[in-house]
Amino acid sequence: MEDYSLTPAGSRVSSIIDEGTADGQLGAQPRARILVIDDDAELVEMLSLWLTDRGFEVLTARNGYDGLRCLYQHQPDLIILDILLPDLDGWEVCRRLRQMCDTPVIVLSARSEVGERVRGLELGADDYVTKPFDIVELDARIKAALRRVQSTSPGQKRPVLVCGRLWLDTAAHQAYVDGNAVRLSPTEFRLLECLMQNQGKVVTHQQLLSKAWGPEYVAYTSSLKVYVRYLRQKIEDNPDNPIFILTERGIGYRLAER
């Protein structure tokens, strides 16, 4: 991910930190990963310092597209999301990420209207905090959101396979590229799932044929080539120069590690 440079925090930001951390007792579960998507440099700096001080790993992005890329690559435990972003607005970011995962989202917004709050919750946000906000209240909301995630049993979580900009929701049988849903046939889905489960490894023609059609079809390599071409047309920016599904000549295929 791009290395974002942040401007020094101003007096307004410093006062927020001082007021919110006077007792030094705030905090939440250590080592949780939080992604902050906001184009306000001062606010991002303040949140980064404050969250890091409490044991969180902090990731930041200044626009919606970078936020989604960071989400794909690093799979944070919680997202703090601004609505007024310079490219994709926060509503669209929320809609796209909700199609792919159940990561808790806390919206930070200067818009305090009831309609805006309702819209955020309808799009899948877990909470809505208006700016300017009380840092103590935000701390409580972060901890509450993380507790809800930790109380979810493993059987309730949706298994998602990730390869850079490519996601595969195995429970919903749905693929996504750059947050956009890609319609796959059942055979295409089985092939892609097999490749993603073995990311970075060569999967032989026979293994893929057995996974997609059954062991009695291991000699049908011509059919496999046709379906791989279909897959590339759906998930690759340039099917003739693929970056995801790579050919290992005479052996099989490999999903590139990204």
C-alpha atoms as a PDB file:
ATOM      1  CA  MET A   1       0.000   0.000   0.000  1.00  0.00           C
ATOM      2  CA  GLU A   2       1.109   3.525  -0.590  1.00  0.00           C
ATOM      3  CA  ASP A   3       3.089   5.109   2.251  1.00  0.00           C
ATOM      4  CA  TYR A   4       0.954   8.053   3.285  1.00  0.00           C
ATOM      5  CA  SER A   5       2.754  11.080   4.741  1.00  0.00           C
ATOM      6  CA  LEU A   6       0.757  12.890   7.405  1.00  0.00           C
ATOM      7  CA  THR A   7       1.059  16.532   8.380  1.00  0.00           C
ATOM      8  CA  PRO A   8       1.866  17.363  12.020  1.00  0.00           C
ATOM      9  CA  ALA A   9      -1.175  17.569  14.267  1.00  0.00           C
ATOM     10  CA  GLY A  10      -2.348  21.101  15.062  1.00  0.00           C
ATOM     11  CA  SER A  11      -3.443  22.543  18.394  1.00  0.00           C
ATOM     12  CA  ARG A  12      -7.064  21.517  17.804  1.00  0.00           C
ATOM     13  CA  VAL A  13      -6.070  17.881  17.410  1.00  0.00           C
ATOM     14  CA  SER A  14      -3.668  17.989  20.367  1.00  0.00           C
ATOM     15  CA  SER A  15      -6.386  19.311  22.637  1.00  0.00           C
ATOM     16  CA  ILE A  16      -8.687  16.461  21.654  1.00  0.00           C
ATOM     17  CA  ILE A  17      -6.030  13.908  22.574  1.00  0.00           C
ATOM     18  CA  ASP A  18      -5.299  15.613  25.920  1.00  0.00           C
ATOM     19  CA  GLU A  19      -8.950  15.844  26.880  1.00  0.00           C
ATOM     20  CA  GLY A  20      -9.680  12.261  25.920  1.00  0.00           C
ATOM     21  CA  THR A  21      -6.702  10.564  27.528  1.00  0.00           C
ATOM     22  CA  ALA A  22      -6.261  12.364  30.824  1.00  0.00           C
ATOM     23  CA  ASP A  23      -6.814   9.225  32.894  1.00  0.00           C
ATOM     24  CA  GLY A  24      -4.623   7.117  30.598  1.00  0.00           C
ATOM     25  CA  GLN A  25      -7.062   4.238  31.001  1.00  0.00           C
ATOM     26  CA  LEU A  26      -8.739   4.200  27.631  1.00  0.00           C
ATOM     27  CA  GLY A  27      -8.061   1.409  25.213  1.00  0.00           C
ATOM     28  CA  ALA A  28      -9.273  -1.873  23.837  1.00  0.00           C
ATOM     29  CA  GLN A  29      -8.044  -5.291  22.901  1.00  0.00           C
ATOM     30  CA  PRO A  30      -4.358  -5.095  21.839  1.00  0.00           C
ATOM     31  CA  ARG A  31      -3.124  -5.995  18.383  1.00  0.00           C
ATOM     32  CA  ALA A  32      -6.459  -5.489  16.637  1.00  0.00           C
ATOM     33  CA  ARG A  33      -5.970  -3.899  13.203  1.00  0.00           C
ATOM     34  CA  ILE A  34      -7.933  -0.717  12.447  1.00  0.00           C
ATOM     35  CA  LEU A  35      -8.184   0.964   9.052  1.00  0.00           C
ATOM     36  CA  VAL A  36      -8.897   4.720   9.046  1.00  0.00           C
ATOM     37  CA  ILE A  37     -10.243   6.043   5.722  1.00  0.00           C
ATOM     38  CA  ASP A  38     -10.363   9.847   5.837  1.00  0.00           C
ATOM     39  CA  ASP A  39      -8.859  12.702   3.803  1.00  0.00           C
ATOM     40  CA  ASP A  40      -8.484  15.028   6.816  1.00  0.00           C
ATOM     41  CA  ALA A  41      -4.726  14.874   7.543  1.00  0.00           C
ATOM     42  CA  GLU A  42      -5.012  16.301  11.061  1.00  0.00           C
ATOM     43  CA  LEU A  43      -7.771  13.920  12.056  1.00  0.00           C
ATOM     44  CA  VAL A  44      -5.937  10.921  10.589  1.00  0.00           C
ATOM     45  CA  GLU A  45      -2.783  11.916  12.482  1.00  0.00           C
ATOM     46  CA  MET A  46      -4.688  12.277  15.733  1.00  0.00           C
ATOM     47  CA  LEU A  47      -6.475   8.939  15.376  1.00  0.00           C
ATOM     48  CA  SER A  48      -3.283   7.154  14.340  1.00  0.00           C
ATOM     49  CA  LEU A  49      -1.400   8.406  17.404  1.00  0.00           C
ATOM     50  CA  TRP A  50      -4.267   7.717  19.739  1.00  0.00           C
ATOM     51  CA  LEU A  51      -5.030   4.217  18.448  1.00  0.00           C
ATOM     52  CA  THR A  52      -1.377   3.219  18.263  1.00  0.00           C
ATOM     53  CA  ASP A  53      -0.885   4.367  21.843  1.00  0.00           C
ATOM     54  CA  ARG A  54      -3.580   1.893  22.857  1.00  0.00           C
ATOM     55  CA  GLY A  55      -1.949  -1.104  21.197  1.00  0.00           C
ATOM     56  CA  PHE A  56      -3.806  -1.135  17.901  1.00  0.00           C
ATOM     57  CA  GLU A  57      -2.152  -1.641  14.542  1.00  0.00           C
ATOM     58  CA  VAL A  58      -3.262   1.334  12.442  1.00  0.00           C
ATOM     59  CA  LEU A  59      -3.630   1.502   8.661  1.00  0.00           C
ATOM     60  CA  THR A  60      -4.637   4.691   6.871  1.00  0.00           C
ATOM     61  CA  ALA A  61      -5.996   5.674   3.458  1.00  0.00           C
ATOM     62  CA  ARG A  62      -6.900   9.112   2.128  1.00  0.00           C
ATOM     63  CA  ASN A  63      -9.541   8.128  -0.429  1.00  0.00           C
ATOM     64  CA  GLY A  64     -12.081   5.421  -1.142  1.00  0.00           C
ATOM     65  CA  TYR A  65     -10.138   3.429  -3.725  1.00  0.00           C
ATOM     66  CA  ASP A  66      -7.020   3.282  -1.553  1.00  0.00           C
ATOM     67  CA  GLY A  67      -9.223   2.276   1.363  1.00  0.00           C
ATOM     68  CA  LEU A  68     -10.689  -0.646  -0.564  1.00  0.00           C
ATOM     69  CA  ARG A  69      -7.231  -1.731  -1.736  1.00  0.00           C
ATOM     70  CA  CYS A  70      -5.987  -1.633   1.843  1.00  0.00           C
ATOM     71  CA  LEU A  71      -9.012  -3.642   2.928  1.00  0.00           C
ATOM     72  CA  TYR A  72      -8.276  -6.326   0.319  1.00  0.00           C
ATOM     73  CA  GLN A  73      -4.604  -6.546   1.217  1.00  0.00           C
ATOM     74  CA  HIS A  74      -4.661  -6.328   5.010  1.00  0.00           C
ATOM     75  CA  GLN A  75      -8.143  -7.445   6.177  1.00  0.00           C
ATOM     76  CA  PRO A  76      -8.525  -5.092   9.172  1.00  0.00           C
ATOM     77  CA  ASP A  77     -10.609  -5.940  12.225  1.00  0.00           C
ATOM     78  CA  LEU A  78     -12.460  -2.618  12.151  1.00  0.00           C
ATOM     79  CA  ILE A  79     -12.848   0.343   9.768  1.00  0.00           C
ATOM     80  CA  ILE A  80     -13.328   4.002  10.674  1.00  0.00           C
ATOM     81  CA  LEU A  81     -14.803   5.622   7.580  1.00  0.00           C
ATOM     82  CA  ASP A  82     -15.391   9.239   6.581  1.00  0.00           C
ATOM     83  CA  ILE A  83     -18.254  10.008   4.197  1.00  0.00           C
ATOM     84  CA  LEU A  84     -16.843  13.027   2.330  1.00  0.00           C
ATOM     85  CA  LEU A  85     -13.979  11.438   0.384  1.00  0.00           C
ATOM     86  CA  PRO A  86     -12.394  12.873  -2.781  1.00  0.00           C
ATOM     87  CA  ASP A  87     -13.191   9.978  -5.146  1.00  0.00           C
ATOM     88  CA  LEU A  88     -15.610   7.271  -4.048  1.00  0.00           C
ATOM     89  CA  ASP A  89     -17.743   8.686  -1.272  1.00  0.00           C
ATOM     90  CA  GLY A  90     -18.032   6.808   1.991  1.00  0.00           C
ATOM     91  CA  TRP A  91     -21.475   5.465   1.129  1.00  0.00           C
ATOM     92  CA  GLU A  92     -20.146   3.697  -1.967  1.00  0.00           C
ATOM     93  CA  VAL A  93     -17.129   2.392  -0.041  1.00  0.00           C
ATOM     94  CA  CYS A  94     -19.455   1.031   2.624  1.00  0.00           C
ATOM     95  CA  ARG A  95     -21.710  -0.591   0.032  1.00  0.00           C
ATOM     96  CA  ARG A  96     -18.794  -2.313  -1.717  1.00  0.00           C
ATOM     97  CA  LEU A  97     -17.085  -3.606   1.390  1.00  0.00           C
ATOM     98  CA  ARG A  98     -20.397  -4.873   2.781  1.00  0.00           C
ATOM     99  CA  GLN A  99     -20.787  -7.034  -0.313  1.00  0.00           C
ATOM    100  CA  MET A 100     -17.520  -8.740   0.557  1.00  0.00           C
ATOM    101  CA  CYS A 101     -17.084  -8.925   4.311  1.00  0.00           C
ATOM    102  CA  ASP A 102     -18.608  -8.370   7.744  1.00  0.00           C
ATOM    103  CA  THR A 103     -15.828  -6.146   9.108  1.00  0.00           C
ATOM    104  CA  PRO A 104     -17.322  -3.605  11.558  1.00  0.00           C
ATOM    105  CA  VAL A 105     -17.594  -0.072  10.165  1.00  0.00           C
ATOM    106  CA  ILE A 106     -17.844   3.082  12.258  1.00  0.00           C
ATOM    107  CA  VAL A 107     -18.808   6.088  10.141  1.00  0.00           C
ATOM    108  CA  LEU A 108     -17.332   9.460  11.097  1.00  0.00           C
ATOM    109  CA  SER A 109     -19.208  12.319   9.484  1.00  0.00           C
ATOM    110  CA  ALA A 110     -19.845  16.039   9.864  1.00  0.00           C
ATOM    111  CA  ARG A 111     -23.392  15.349   8.716  1.00  0.00           C
ATOM    112  CA  SER A 112     -25.633  14.991  11.735  1.00  0.00           C
ATOM    113  CA  GLU A 113     -29.035  14.729  10.041  1.00  0.00           C
ATOM    114  CA  VAL A 114     -31.174  11.757  11.018  1.00  0.00           C
ATOM    115  CA  GLY A 115     -31.550  10.801   7.355  1.00  0.00           C
ATOM    116  CA  GLU A 116     -27.785  10.495   6.977  1.00  0.00           C
ATOM    117  CA  ARG A 117     -27.541   8.272  10.039  1.00  0.00           C
ATOM    118  CA  VAL A 118     -30.323   6.061   8.739  1.00  0.00           C
ATOM    119  CA  ARG A 119     -28.665   5.834   5.327  1.00  0.00           C
ATOM    120  CA  GLY A 120     -25.388   4.745   6.884  1.00  0.00           C
ATOM    121  CA  LEU A 121     -27.011   2.015   8.937  1.00  0.00           C
ATOM    122  CA  GLU A 122     -29.046   0.809   5.956  1.00  0.00           C
ATOM    123  CA  LEU A 123     -25.840   0.473   3.903  1.00  0.00           C
ATOM    124  CA  GLY A 124     -24.336  -1.744   6.573  1.00  0.00           C
ATOM    125  CA  ALA A 125     -22.432   0.583   8.899  1.00  0.00           C
ATOM    126  CA  ASP A 126     -22.333  -0.682  12.480  1.00  0.00           C
ATOM    127  CA  ASP A 127     -22.211   2.749  14.074  1.00  0.00           C
ATOM    128  CA  TYR A 128     -22.369   6.449  13.161  1.00  0.00           C
ATOM    129  CA  VAL A 129     -20.407   9.147  14.999  1.00  0.00           C
ATOM    130  CA  THR A 130     -20.731  12.831  14.128  1.00  0.00           C
ATOM    131  CA  LYS A 131     -17.826  15.297  14.006  1.00  0.00           C
ATOM    132  CA  PRO A 132     -16.638  16.881  16.189  1.00  0.00           C
ATOM    133  CA  PHE A 133     -16.715  13.840  18.431  1.00  0.00           C
ATOM    134  CA  ASP A 134     -15.802  12.952  21.993  1.00  0.00           C
ATOM    135  CA  ILE A 135     -12.730  10.714  21.957  1.00  0.00           C
ATOM    136  CA  VAL A 136     -13.970   8.828  25.024  1.00  0.00           C
ATOM    137  CA  GLU A 137     -17.225   8.014  23.240  1.00  0.00           C
ATOM    138  CA  LEU A 138     -15.373   6.822  20.143  1.00  0.00           C
ATOM    139  CA  ASP A 139     -13.194   4.599  22.328  1.00  0.00           C
ATOM    140  CA  ALA A 140     -16.293   2.992  23.816  1.00  0.00           C
ATOM    141  CA  ARG A 141     -17.848   2.451  20.400  1.00  0.00           C
ATOM    142  CA  ILE A 142     -14.654   0.846  19.025  1.00  0.00           C
ATOM    143  CA  LYS A 143     -14.467  -1.538  21.974  1.00  0.00           C
ATOM    144  CA  ALA A 144     -18.157  -2.415  21.633  1.00  0.00           C
ATOM    145  CA  ALA A 145     -17.772  -3.163  17.909  1.00  0.00           C
ATOM    146  CA  LEU A 146     -14.717  -5.366  18.501  1.00  0.00           C
ATOM    147  CA  ARG A 147     -16.507  -7.225  21.302  1.00  0.00           C
ATOM    148  CA  ARG A 148     -19.346  -8.040  18.911  1.00  0.00           C
ATOM    149  CA  VAL A 149     -16.872  -9.478  16.412  1.00  0.00           C
ATOM    150  CA  GLN A 150     -15.048 -11.517  19.054  1.00  0.00           C
ATOM    151  CA  SER A 151     -18.322 -12.936  20.348  1.00  0.00           C
ATOM    152  CA  THR A 152     -19.195 -14.253  16.885  1.00  0.00           C
ATOM    153  CA  SER A 153     -18.572 -17.968  16.703  1.00  0.00           C
ATOM    154  CA  PRO A 154     -16.308 -19.227  13.883  1.00  0.00           C
ATOM    155  CA  GLY A 155     -19.254 -20.927  12.230  1.00  0.00           C
ATOM    156  CA  GLN A 156     -20.975 -17.586  11.757  1.00  0.00           C
ATOM    157  CA  LYS A 157     -18.083 -15.929   9.922  1.00  0.00           C
ATOM    158  CA  ARG A 158     -18.127 -15.905   6.150  1.00  0.00           C
ATOM    159  CA  PRO A 159     -15.031 -17.612   4.697  1.00  0.00           C
ATOM    160  CA  VAL A 160     -13.408 -15.264   2.189  1.00  0.00           C
ATOM    161  CA  LEU A 161     -10.351 -15.994   0.052  1.00  0.00           C
ATOM    162  CA  VAL A 162      -8.278 -12.953  -0.927  1.00  0.00           C
ATOM    163  CA  CYS A 163      -5.739 -12.346  -3.683  1.00  0.00           C
ATOM    164  CA  GLY A 164      -5.027  -8.618  -3.900  1.00  0.00           C
ATOM    165  CA  ARG A 165      -7.977  -6.981  -5.667  1.00  0.00           C
ATOM    166  CA  LEU A 166      -9.657 -10.370  -6.114  1.00  0.00           C
ATOM    167  CA  TRP A 167     -11.961 -11.742  -3.405  1.00  0.00           C
ATOM    168  CA  LEU A 168     -13.943 -14.969  -3.312  1.00  0.00           C
ATOM    169  CA  ASP A 169     -16.814 -15.349  -0.854  1.00  0.00           C
ATOM    170  CA  THR A 170     -17.046 -19.141  -0.633  1.00  0.00           C
ATOM    171  CA  ALA A 171     -20.265 -19.117   1.400  1.00  0.00           C
ATOM    172  CA  ALA A 172     -22.146 -16.867  -1.019  1.00  0.00           C
ATOM    173  CA  HIS A 173     -20.456 -18.352  -4.130  1.00  0.00           C
ATOM    174  CA  GLN A 174     -19.575 -14.831  -5.256  1.00  0.00           C
ATOM    175  CA  ALA A 175     -16.385 -13.307  -6.676  1.00  0.00           C
ATOM    176  CA  TYR A 176     -15.391  -9.634  -6.517  1.00  0.00           C
ATOM    177  CA  VAL A 177     -12.763  -7.615  -8.359  1.00  0.00           C
ATOM    178  CA  ASP A 178     -12.092  -4.114  -7.008  1.00  0.00           C
ATOM    179  CA  GLY A 179     -15.239  -4.474  -4.931  1.00  0.00           C
ATOM    180  CA  ASN A 180     -17.429  -5.163  -7.961  1.00  0.00           C
ATOM    181  CA  ALA A 181     -19.352  -8.424  -8.110  1.00  0.00           C
ATOM    182  CA  VAL A 182     -18.385 -10.813 -10.907  1.00  0.00           C
ATOM    183  CA  ARG A 183     -20.898 -13.423 -12.022  1.00  0.00           C
ATOM    184  CA  LEU A 184     -19.342 -16.886 -12.338  1.00  0.00           C
ATOM    185  CA  SER A 185     -20.846 -20.165 -13.468  1.00  0.00           C
ATOM    186  CA  PRO A 186     -20.641 -23.038 -10.934  1.00  0.00           C
ATOM    187  CA  THR A 187     -17.751 -24.589 -12.888  1.00  0.00           C
ATOM    188  CA  GLU A 188     -15.856 -21.287 -13.073  1.00  0.00           C
ATOM    189  CA  PHE A 189     -16.370 -20.804  -9.352  1.00  0.00           C
ATOM    190  CA  ARG A 190     -14.987 -24.264  -8.506  1.00  0.00           C
ATOM    191  CA  LEU A 191     -11.917 -23.656 -10.668  1.00  0.00           C
ATOM    192  CA  LEU A 192     -11.231 -20.252  -9.135  1.00  0.00           C
ATOM    193  CA  GLU A 193     -11.787 -21.573  -5.613  1.00  0.00           C
ATOM    194  CA  CYS A 194      -9.256 -24.357  -6.201  1.00  0.00           C
ATOM    195  CA  LEU A 195      -6.682 -21.891  -7.513  1.00  0.00           C
ATOM    196  CA  MET A 196      -7.242 -19.438  -4.648  1.00  0.00           C
ATOM    197  CA  GLN A 197      -6.975 -22.188  -2.043  1.00  0.00           C
ATOM    198  CA  ASN A 198      -3.546 -22.952  -3.503  1.00  0.00           C
ATOM    199  CA  GLN A 199      -2.422 -19.364  -4.115  1.00  0.00           C
ATOM    200  CA  GLY A 200       1.172 -19.219  -5.310  1.00  0.00           C
ATOM    201  CA  LYS A 201       1.309 -22.953  -6.017  1.00  0.00           C
ATOM    202  CA  VAL A 202       1.035 -24.763  -9.345  1.00  0.00           C
ATOM    203  CA  VAL A 203      -2.222 -26.700  -9.650  1.00  0.00           C
ATOM    204  CA  THR A 204      -2.067 -29.416 -12.295  1.00  0.00           C
ATOM    205  CA  HIS A 205      -4.572 -29.878 -15.097  1.00  0.00           C
ATOM    206  CA  GLN A 206      -5.684 -33.121 -13.486  1.00  0.00           C
ATOM    207  CA  GLN A 207      -6.259 -31.523 -10.089  1.00  0.00           C
ATOM    208  CA  LEU A 208      -8.345 -28.730 -11.583  1.00  0.00           C
ATOM    209  CA  LEU A 209     -10.372 -31.084 -13.757  1.00  0.00           C
ATOM    210  CA  SER A 210     -11.055 -33.362 -10.799  1.00  0.00           C
ATOM    211  CA  LYS A 211     -12.133 -30.393  -8.664  1.00  0.00           C
ATOM    212  CA  ALA A 212     -14.409 -28.842 -11.302  1.00  0.00           C
ATOM    213  CA  TRP A 213     -15.923 -31.882 -13.003  1.00  0.00           C
ATOM    214  CA  GLY A 214     -14.891 -35.005 -11.109  1.00  0.00           C
ATOM    215  CA  PRO A 215     -12.089 -37.602 -11.325  1.00  0.00           C
ATOM    216  CA  GLU A 216     -13.554 -39.221 -14.426  1.00  0.00           C
ATOM    217  CA  TYR A 217     -12.817 -36.033 -16.434  1.00  0.00           C
ATOM    218  CA  VAL A 218      -9.072 -35.705 -15.779  1.00  0.00           C
ATOM    219  CA  ALA A 219      -8.238 -36.164 -19.482  1.00  0.00           C
ATOM    220  CA  TYR A 220     -10.427 -33.267 -20.707  1.00  0.00           C
ATOM    221  CA  THR A 221      -7.685 -30.637 -20.808  1.00  0.00           C
ATOM    222  CA  SER A 222      -9.229 -28.854 -23.797  1.00  0.00           C
ATOM    223  CA  SER A 223     -12.367 -28.113 -21.770  1.00  0.00           C
ATOM    224  CA  LEU A 224     -10.212 -26.804 -18.934  1.00  0.00           C
ATOM    225  CA  LYS A 225      -8.458 -24.357 -21.250  1.00  0.00           C
ATOM    226  CA  VAL A 226     -11.824 -23.036 -22.436  1.00  0.00           C
ATOM    227  CA  TYR A 227     -13.036 -22.391 -18.886  1.00  0.00           C
ATOM    228  CA  VAL A 228      -9.782 -20.782 -17.823  1.00  0.00           C
ATOM    229  CA  ARG A 229     -10.209 -18.418 -20.770  1.00  0.00           C
ATOM    230  CA  TYR A 230     -13.761 -17.646 -19.597  1.00  0.00           C
ATOM    231  CA  LEU A 231     -12.446 -16.931 -16.093  1.00  0.00           C
ATOM    232  CA  ARG A 232      -9.735 -14.620 -17.350  1.00  0.00           C
ATOM    233  CA  GLN A 233     -12.251 -12.662 -19.398  1.00  0.00           C
ATOM    234  CA  LYS A 234     -14.229 -12.028 -16.216  1.00  0.00           C
ATOM    235  CA  ILE A 235     -11.521 -11.264 -13.649  1.00  0.00           C
ATOM    236  CA  GLU A 236      -8.501  -9.986 -15.583  1.00  0.00           C
ATOM    237  CA  ASP A 237      -8.035  -6.395 -16.768  1.00  0.00           C
ATOM    238  CA  ASN A 238      -6.371  -7.820 -19.890  1.00  0.00           C
ATOM    239  CA  PRO A 239      -7.189 -11.519 -20.445  1.00  0.00           C
ATOM    240  CA  ASP A 240      -4.354 -11.789 -22.987  1.00  0.00           C
ATOM    241  CA  ASN A 241      -1.845 -10.605 -20.385  1.00  0.00           C
ATOM    242  CA  PRO A 242      -3.201 -12.071 -17.126  1.00  0.00           C
ATOM    243  CA  ILE A 243      -1.965 -11.021 -13.706  1.00  0.00           C
ATOM    244  CA  PHE A 244      -4.059 -13.432 -11.613  1.00  0.00           C
ATOM    245  CA  ILE A 245      -4.255 -16.807 -13.405  1.00  0.00           C
ATOM    246  CA  LEU A 246      -0.854 -17.693 -14.810  1.00  0.00           C
ATOM    247  CA  THR A 247      -0.156 -20.601 -17.162  1.00  0.00           C
ATOM    248  CA  GLU A 248       2.460 -23.182 -16.227  1.00  0.00           C
ATOM    249  CA  ARG A 249       3.003 -24.683 -19.665  1.00  0.00           C
ATOM    250  CA  GLY A 250       2.408 -28.410 -19.886  1.00  0.00           C
ATOM    251  CA  ILE A 251       1.586 -28.657 -16.166  1.00  0.00           C
ATOM    252  CA  GLY A 252      -1.359 -26.515 -15.132  1.00  0.00           C
ATOM    253  CA  TYR A 253      -2.103 -23.073 -13.725  1.00  0.00           C
ATOM    254  CA  ARG A 254      -1.062 -20.925 -10.784  1.00  0.00           C
ATOM    255  CA  LEU A 255      -2.815 -18.055  -9.047  1.00  0.00           C
ATOM    256  CA  ALA A 256      -0.205 -15.337  -8.576  1.00  0.00           C
ATOM    257  CA  GLU A 257       0.504 -14.174  -5.025  1.00  0.00           C
ATOM    258  CA  ARG A 258      -0.411 -10.484  -4.825  1.00  0.00           C
END
